[in-house]
Amino acid sequence: MGTQQPAPRRVVAVVTGDLQARIRSLFPECDLRFVRSGTDLVRALDEARCEMMVVQVHFNESSAAAALMCVLARAETFPVVCVRDEADAKPAYAALNALRIALGAIVARAFIDLVEHRDDEVGNARVRAMLQNLL
């Protein structure tokens, strides 16, 4: 009898279409599910066990907060990682630090500013290493 390969880890990503290619490069071995609405998120979380959720943070939108509230309402636990990818977004560090303080103790395990890591092999390897520690 041959040994069975373990199922790929399932990651749900609440990100815009612009960020999907980068998320794919950060999780090459994972089963990725991209969602864009609260309904899609609930459906994705109900379909199968999630091992991590990645939430794109836009400081002028409520989608990230809604996704995090959805996680809080569930009995299961999995790491949540908030990512920011807008170089010109203001206020960058102040808002990210405020979000870290407010949500870090509650639900989010990591906050990664993707702008600080190039979207290339070296930069993505650094981010991937941070994420692997949480899976």
N, C-alpha and C. Protein backbone atom coordinates (compact mmCIF):
# COMPACT_ATOMS: atom_id res chain seq x y z
N MET A 1 0.84 -1.19 0.00
CA MET A 1 0.00 0.00 0.00
C MET A 1 0.87 1.24 0.00
N GLY A 2 0.51 2.23 -0.81
CA GLY A 2 1.25 3.48 -0.85
C GLY A 2 0.79 4.41 0.25
N THR A 3 1.65 5.30 0.60
CA THR A 3 1.27 6.28 1.61
C THR A 3 0.46 7.38 0.96
N GLN A 4 -0.54 7.82 1.66
CA GLN A 4 -1.39 8.87 1.15
C GLN A 4 -0.79 10.23 1.49
N GLN A 5 -0.82 11.12 0.51
CA GLN A 5 -0.34 12.49 0.73
C GLN A 5 -1.35 13.21 1.61
N PRO A 6 -0.86 14.01 2.56
CA PRO A 6 -1.81 14.79 3.35
C PRO A 6 -2.52 15.82 2.47
N ALA A 7 -3.74 16.10 2.82
CA ALA A 7 -4.50 17.11 2.07
C ALA A 7 -3.81 18.46 2.22
N PRO A 8 -3.84 19.28 1.17
CA PRO A 8 -3.23 20.60 1.29
C PRO A 8 -3.96 21.43 2.34
N ARG A 9 -3.22 22.29 2.99
CA ARG A 9 -3.82 23.17 3.99
C ARG A 9 -4.75 24.16 3.28
N ARG A 10 -5.89 24.41 3.89
CA ARG A 10 -6.90 25.27 3.29
C ARG A 10 -6.78 26.68 3.86
N VAL A 11 -6.65 27.65 2.98
CA VAL A 11 -6.53 29.05 3.35
C VAL A 11 -7.64 29.82 2.65
N VAL A 12 -8.39 30.58 3.44
CA VAL A 12 -9.43 31.45 2.90
C VAL A 12 -8.85 32.86 2.87
N ALA A 13 -8.95 33.51 1.71
CA ALA A 13 -8.38 34.85 1.54
C ALA A 13 -9.48 35.84 1.20
N VAL A 14 -9.62 36.86 2.03
CA VAL A 14 -10.58 37.93 1.81
C VAL A 14 -9.77 39.10 1.25
N VAL A 15 -9.58 39.08 -0.08
CA VAL A 15 -8.72 40.06 -0.74
C VAL A 15 -9.34 40.48 -2.06
N THR A 16 -8.87 41.62 -2.57
CA THR A 16 -9.33 42.09 -3.88
C THR A 16 -8.66 41.27 -4.98
N GLY A 17 -9.20 41.38 -6.17
CA GLY A 17 -8.64 40.67 -7.31
C GLY A 17 -7.19 41.04 -7.58
N ASP A 18 -6.83 42.29 -7.30
CA ASP A 18 -5.46 42.76 -7.53
C ASP A 18 -4.43 42.02 -6.68
N LEU A 19 -4.84 41.53 -5.53
CA LEU A 19 -3.90 40.88 -4.62
C LEU A 19 -3.88 39.36 -4.75
N GLN A 20 -4.80 38.80 -5.50
CA GLN A 20 -4.91 37.34 -5.58
C GLN A 20 -3.65 36.66 -6.12
N ALA A 21 -3.02 37.22 -7.14
CA ALA A 21 -1.81 36.60 -7.69
C ALA A 21 -0.70 36.54 -6.64
N ARG A 22 -0.56 37.60 -5.86
CA ARG A 22 0.49 37.59 -4.82
C ARG A 22 0.16 36.58 -3.74
N ILE A 23 -1.08 36.49 -3.34
CA ILE A 23 -1.48 35.51 -2.33
C ILE A 23 -1.21 34.10 -2.85
N ARG A 24 -1.48 33.85 -4.12
CA ARG A 24 -1.17 32.53 -4.70
C ARG A 24 0.31 32.22 -4.59
N SER A 25 1.16 33.24 -4.83
CA SER A 25 2.61 33.01 -4.76
C SER A 25 3.08 32.80 -3.33
N LEU A 26 2.32 33.31 -2.35
CA LEU A 26 2.70 33.13 -0.95
C LEU A 26 2.27 31.77 -0.40
N PHE A 27 1.28 31.16 -1.02
CA PHE A 27 0.74 29.88 -0.55
C PHE A 27 0.73 28.86 -1.69
N PRO A 28 1.88 28.53 -2.27
CA PRO A 28 1.88 27.65 -3.45
C PRO A 28 1.39 26.23 -3.17
N GLU A 29 1.51 25.76 -1.97
CA GLU A 29 1.12 24.38 -1.65
C GLU A 29 -0.25 24.28 -1.00
N CYS A 30 -0.95 25.39 -0.86
CA CYS A 30 -2.22 25.39 -0.14
C CYS A 30 -3.42 25.37 -1.08
N ASP A 31 -4.53 24.93 -0.53
CA ASP A 31 -5.82 25.00 -1.20
C ASP A 31 -6.40 26.36 -0.86
N LEU A 32 -6.34 27.29 -1.83
CA LEU A 32 -6.80 28.66 -1.60
C LEU A 32 -8.24 28.84 -2.01
N ARG A 33 -8.98 29.57 -1.20
CA ARG A 33 -10.36 29.94 -1.53
C ARG A 33 -10.45 31.45 -1.37
N PHE A 34 -10.69 32.16 -2.47
CA PHE A 34 -10.82 33.61 -2.46
C PHE A 34 -12.28 33.99 -2.30
N VAL A 35 -12.57 34.92 -1.40
CA VAL A 35 -13.94 35.38 -1.19
C VAL A 35 -13.96 36.91 -1.23
N ARG A 36 -15.09 37.45 -1.66
CA ARG A 36 -15.20 38.90 -1.80
C ARG A 36 -16.38 39.48 -1.02
N SER A 37 -17.20 38.62 -0.42
CA SER A 37 -18.35 39.13 0.32
C SER A 37 -18.53 38.32 1.60
N GLY A 38 -19.33 38.88 2.49
CA GLY A 38 -19.60 38.19 3.74
C GLY A 38 -20.31 36.86 3.51
N THR A 39 -21.23 36.83 2.55
CA THR A 39 -21.94 35.59 2.23
C THR A 39 -20.97 34.53 1.74
N ASP A 40 -20.06 34.92 0.84
CA ASP A 40 -19.05 33.98 0.33
C ASP A 40 -18.14 33.50 1.45
N LEU A 41 -17.82 34.39 2.38
CA LEU A 41 -16.95 34.01 3.50
C LEU A 41 -17.62 32.96 4.38
N VAL A 42 -18.85 33.20 4.74
CA VAL A 42 -19.57 32.24 5.58
C VAL A 42 -19.66 30.90 4.86
N ARG A 43 -19.96 30.92 3.57
CA ARG A 43 -20.07 29.69 2.79
C ARG A 43 -18.72 28.95 2.77
N ALA A 44 -17.64 29.68 2.54
CA ALA A 44 -16.31 29.06 2.49
C ALA A 44 -15.93 28.45 3.83
N LEU A 45 -16.25 29.13 4.91
CA LEU A 45 -15.92 28.60 6.24
C LEU A 45 -16.79 27.41 6.60
N ASP A 46 -18.01 27.35 6.08
CA ASP A 46 -18.89 26.22 6.34
C ASP A 46 -18.54 25.00 5.50
N GLU A 47 -17.93 25.21 4.32
CA GLU A 47 -17.64 24.11 3.40
C GLU A 47 -16.60 23.14 3.93
N ALA A 48 -15.55 23.66 4.51
CA ALA A 48 -14.45 22.81 4.97
C ALA A 48 -13.64 23.54 6.02
N ARG A 49 -12.89 22.76 6.76
CA ARG A 49 -12.04 23.34 7.80
C ARG A 49 -11.02 24.30 7.19
N CYS A 50 -10.92 25.45 7.79
CA CYS A 50 -9.98 26.47 7.35
C CYS A 50 -8.78 26.44 8.30
N GLU A 51 -7.58 26.48 7.76
CA GLU A 51 -6.39 26.46 8.60
C GLU A 51 -5.78 27.84 8.78
N MET A 52 -6.22 28.80 7.94
CA MET A 52 -5.79 30.19 8.08
C MET A 52 -6.70 31.07 7.24
N MET A 53 -6.90 32.30 7.72
CA MET A 53 -7.61 33.30 6.93
C MET A 53 -6.69 34.50 6.75
N VAL A 54 -6.62 34.99 5.52
CA VAL A 54 -5.87 36.19 5.20
C VAL A 54 -6.87 37.27 4.85
N VAL A 55 -6.78 38.41 5.55
CA VAL A 55 -7.72 39.50 5.34
C VAL A 55 -6.93 40.72 4.89
N GLN A 56 -7.29 41.23 3.72
CA GLN A 56 -6.67 42.45 3.20
C GLN A 56 -7.29 43.63 3.91
N VAL A 57 -6.46 44.48 4.47
CA VAL A 57 -6.94 45.60 5.25
C VAL A 57 -6.92 46.87 4.41
N HIS A 58 -8.09 47.46 4.26
CA HIS A 58 -8.23 48.80 3.67
C HIS A 58 -8.83 49.65 4.78
N PHE A 59 -8.17 50.72 5.11
CA PHE A 59 -8.59 51.48 6.26
C PHE A 59 -9.85 52.30 6.01
N ASN A 60 -10.27 52.41 4.77
CA ASN A 60 -11.48 53.17 4.47
C ASN A 60 -12.64 52.26 4.10
N GLU A 61 -12.51 50.97 4.34
CA GLU A 61 -13.58 50.02 4.03
C GLU A 61 -13.89 49.18 5.26
N SER A 62 -15.05 48.59 5.27
CA SER A 62 -15.44 47.78 6.42
C SER A 62 -15.34 46.29 6.16
N SER A 63 -14.86 45.86 4.98
CA SER A 63 -14.83 44.43 4.67
C SER A 63 -13.91 43.66 5.61
N ALA A 64 -12.78 44.25 5.98
CA ALA A 64 -11.86 43.57 6.89
C ALA A 64 -12.51 43.39 8.26
N ALA A 65 -13.14 44.43 8.75
CA ALA A 65 -13.80 44.33 10.05
C ALA A 65 -14.92 43.30 10.02
N ALA A 66 -15.68 43.27 8.93
CA ALA A 66 -16.77 42.30 8.80
C ALA A 66 -16.22 40.87 8.79
N ALA A 67 -15.11 40.66 8.10
CA ALA A 67 -14.51 39.32 8.06
C ALA A 67 -14.04 38.90 9.45
N LEU A 68 -13.43 39.83 10.16
CA LEU A 68 -12.95 39.51 11.51
C LEU A 68 -14.11 39.25 12.46
N MET A 69 -15.20 39.98 12.32
CA MET A 69 -16.38 39.73 13.15
C MET A 69 -16.96 38.34 12.86
N CYS A 70 -16.91 37.94 11.60
CA CYS A 70 -17.39 36.61 11.22
C CYS A 70 -16.56 35.54 11.93
N VAL A 71 -15.26 35.74 11.99
CA VAL A 71 -14.39 34.78 12.66
C VAL A 71 -14.72 34.71 14.14
N LEU A 72 -14.92 35.87 14.76
CA LEU A 72 -15.23 35.90 16.18
C LEU A 72 -16.53 35.17 16.52
N ALA A 73 -17.46 35.16 15.57
CA ALA A 73 -18.76 34.54 15.81
C ALA A 73 -18.72 33.02 15.71
N ARG A 74 -17.61 32.47 15.22
CA ARG A 74 -17.52 31.03 15.01
C ARG A 74 -16.88 30.35 16.21
N ALA A 75 -17.24 29.09 16.42
CA ALA A 75 -16.67 28.34 17.54
C ALA A 75 -15.28 27.83 17.23
N GLU A 76 -14.96 27.64 15.95
CA GLU A 76 -13.65 27.10 15.59
C GLU A 76 -12.58 28.19 15.66
N THR A 77 -11.34 27.75 15.73
CA THR A 77 -10.25 28.72 15.77
C THR A 77 -9.24 28.40 14.68
N PHE A 78 -8.68 29.44 14.12
CA PHE A 78 -7.61 29.32 13.13
C PHE A 78 -6.93 30.67 13.10
N PRO A 79 -5.67 30.71 12.69
CA PRO A 79 -4.98 31.99 12.67
C PRO A 79 -5.55 32.92 11.59
N VAL A 80 -5.63 34.19 11.94
CA VAL A 80 -6.06 35.23 11.01
C VAL A 80 -4.88 36.16 10.81
N VAL A 81 -4.56 36.44 9.55
CA VAL A 81 -3.46 37.33 9.22
C VAL A 81 -4.04 38.51 8.44
N CYS A 82 -3.76 39.72 8.91
CA CYS A 82 -4.17 40.93 8.20
C CYS A 82 -3.00 41.41 7.35
N VAL A 83 -3.28 41.70 6.09
CA VAL A 83 -2.24 42.20 5.20
C VAL A 83 -2.66 43.55 4.63
N ARG A 84 -1.68 44.38 4.41
CA ARG A 84 -1.87 45.69 3.81
C ARG A 84 -0.97 45.74 2.59
N ASP A 85 -1.46 46.28 1.47
CA ASP A 85 -0.64 46.27 0.26
C ASP A 85 -0.68 47.57 -0.52
N GLU A 86 -1.16 48.63 0.07
CA GLU A 86 -1.27 49.90 -0.65
C GLU A 86 -0.16 50.85 -0.22
N ALA A 87 0.78 51.09 -1.11
CA ALA A 87 1.92 51.93 -0.78
C ALA A 87 1.52 53.36 -0.47
N ASP A 88 0.50 53.87 -1.12
CA ASP A 88 0.13 55.27 -0.94
C ASP A 88 -1.03 55.47 0.03
N ALA A 89 -1.48 54.41 0.68
CA ALA A 89 -2.60 54.53 1.60
C ALA A 89 -2.18 55.33 2.84
N LYS A 90 -3.02 56.20 3.27
CA LYS A 90 -2.77 57.00 4.47
C LYS A 90 -3.91 56.77 5.43
N PRO A 91 -3.69 56.75 6.68
CA PRO A 91 -2.42 56.77 7.38
C PRO A 91 -1.87 55.36 7.53
N ALA A 92 -0.73 55.09 7.01
CA ALA A 92 -0.20 53.74 6.94
C ALA A 92 0.17 53.17 8.31
N TYR A 93 1.30 53.56 8.86
CA TYR A 93 1.77 52.94 10.09
C TYR A 93 0.87 53.21 11.28
N ALA A 94 0.36 54.42 11.40
CA ALA A 94 -0.51 54.74 12.54
C ALA A 94 -1.75 53.86 12.54
N ALA A 95 -2.38 53.71 11.38
CA ALA A 95 -3.60 52.90 11.30
C ALA A 95 -3.28 51.43 11.49
N LEU A 96 -2.18 50.95 10.91
CA LEU A 96 -1.82 49.55 11.08
C LEU A 96 -1.53 49.24 12.54
N ASN A 97 -0.83 50.14 13.22
CA ASN A 97 -0.54 49.92 14.63
C ASN A 97 -1.80 49.97 15.48
N ALA A 98 -2.73 50.87 15.17
CA ALA A 98 -3.99 50.93 15.89
C ALA A 98 -4.78 49.63 15.70
N LEU A 99 -4.79 49.12 14.46
CA LEU A 99 -5.47 47.87 14.18
C LEU A 99 -4.82 46.71 14.92
N ARG A 100 -3.50 46.70 14.97
CA ARG A 100 -2.76 45.68 15.72
C ARG A 100 -3.19 45.65 17.17
N ILE A 101 -3.26 46.83 17.78
CA ILE A 101 -3.63 46.92 19.19
C ILE A 101 -5.08 46.50 19.40
N ALA A 102 -5.97 47.01 18.57
CA ALA A 102 -7.40 46.74 18.74
C ALA A 102 -7.77 45.30 18.46
N LEU A 103 -7.20 44.71 17.41
CA LEU A 103 -7.62 43.37 16.99
C LEU A 103 -6.64 42.28 17.36
N GLY A 104 -5.42 42.64 17.62
CA GLY A 104 -4.41 41.63 17.91
C GLY A 104 -4.74 40.78 19.11
N ALA A 105 -5.25 41.40 20.14
CA ALA A 105 -5.58 40.66 21.35
C ALA A 105 -6.85 39.83 21.17
N ILE A 106 -7.66 40.19 20.19
CA ILE A 106 -8.94 39.52 20.01
C ILE A 106 -8.85 38.36 19.03
N VAL A 107 -8.37 38.64 17.79
CA VAL A 107 -8.49 37.61 16.76
C VAL A 107 -7.29 37.52 15.82
N ALA A 108 -6.70 38.61 15.44
CA ALA A 108 -5.64 38.57 14.42
C ALA A 108 -4.32 38.13 15.04
N ARG A 109 -3.65 37.19 14.38
CA ARG A 109 -2.38 36.66 14.86
C ARG A 109 -1.18 37.39 14.29
N ALA A 110 -1.37 38.02 13.11
CA ALA A 110 -0.24 38.72 12.49
C ALA A 110 -0.77 39.84 11.61
N PHE A 111 0.04 40.88 11.49
CA PHE A 111 -0.24 42.00 10.61
C PHE A 111 1.00 42.18 9.75
N ILE A 112 0.84 42.02 8.45
CA ILE A 112 1.98 42.09 7.54
C ILE A 112 1.74 43.19 6.53
N ASP A 113 2.67 44.13 6.49
CA ASP A 113 2.59 45.20 5.51
C ASP A 113 3.36 44.72 4.28
N LEU A 114 2.64 44.27 3.27
CA LEU A 114 3.28 43.71 2.08
C LEU A 114 4.11 44.74 1.32
N VAL A 115 3.83 46.01 1.54
CA VAL A 115 4.61 47.06 0.89
C VAL A 115 6.08 46.98 1.32
N GLU A 116 6.32 46.50 2.53
CA GLU A 116 7.68 46.40 3.05
C GLU A 116 8.46 45.21 2.47
N HIS A 117 7.78 44.35 1.75
CA HIS A 117 8.39 43.15 1.17
C HIS A 117 8.11 43.14 -0.32
N ARG A 118 9.16 43.20 -1.12
CA ARG A 118 8.97 43.22 -2.58
C ARG A 118 8.17 42.03 -3.05
N ASP A 119 7.44 42.24 -4.12
CA ASP A 119 6.68 41.16 -4.74
C ASP A 119 7.60 40.45 -5.74
N ASP A 120 8.60 39.77 -5.18
CA ASP A 120 9.54 38.99 -5.98
C ASP A 120 9.90 37.75 -5.17
N GLU A 121 10.78 36.94 -5.69
CA GLU A 121 11.11 35.67 -5.03
C GLU A 121 11.62 35.86 -3.61
N VAL A 122 12.52 36.81 -3.40
CA VAL A 122 13.11 37.04 -2.07
C VAL A 122 12.07 37.61 -1.11
N GLY A 123 11.35 38.64 -1.53
CA GLY A 123 10.35 39.26 -0.67
C GLY A 123 9.23 38.29 -0.30
N ASN A 124 8.76 37.55 -1.28
CA ASN A 124 7.70 36.58 -1.02
C ASN A 124 8.18 35.43 -0.14
N ALA A 125 9.44 35.06 -0.26
CA ALA A 125 9.99 34.01 0.61
C ALA A 125 9.98 34.47 2.07
N ARG A 126 10.30 35.74 2.31
CA ARG A 126 10.26 36.28 3.68
C ARG A 126 8.85 36.24 4.25
N VAL A 127 7.89 36.69 3.45
CA VAL A 127 6.49 36.69 3.91
C VAL A 127 6.02 35.25 4.11
N ARG A 128 6.36 34.37 3.17
CA ARG A 128 5.96 32.97 3.26
C ARG A 128 6.48 32.35 4.55
N ALA A 129 7.70 32.66 4.94
CA ALA A 129 8.29 32.13 6.18
C ALA A 129 7.49 32.60 7.39
N MET A 130 7.05 33.86 7.39
CA MET A 130 6.22 34.37 8.49
C MET A 130 4.90 33.62 8.56
N LEU A 131 4.31 33.38 7.40
CA LEU A 131 3.03 32.71 7.35
C LEU A 131 3.13 31.23 7.72
N GLN A 132 4.18 30.57 7.29
CA GLN A 132 4.36 29.16 7.60
C GLN A 132 4.44 28.92 9.11
N ASN A 133 4.99 29.87 9.84
CA ASN A 133 5.08 29.74 11.29
C ASN A 133 3.70 29.71 11.95
N LEU A 134 2.70 30.21 11.26
CA LEU A 134 1.34 30.26 11.80
C LEU A 134 0.48 29.08 11.38
N LEU A 135 0.87 28.40 10.31
CA LEU A 135 0.07 27.26 9.82
C LEU A 135 0.27 26.04 10.69
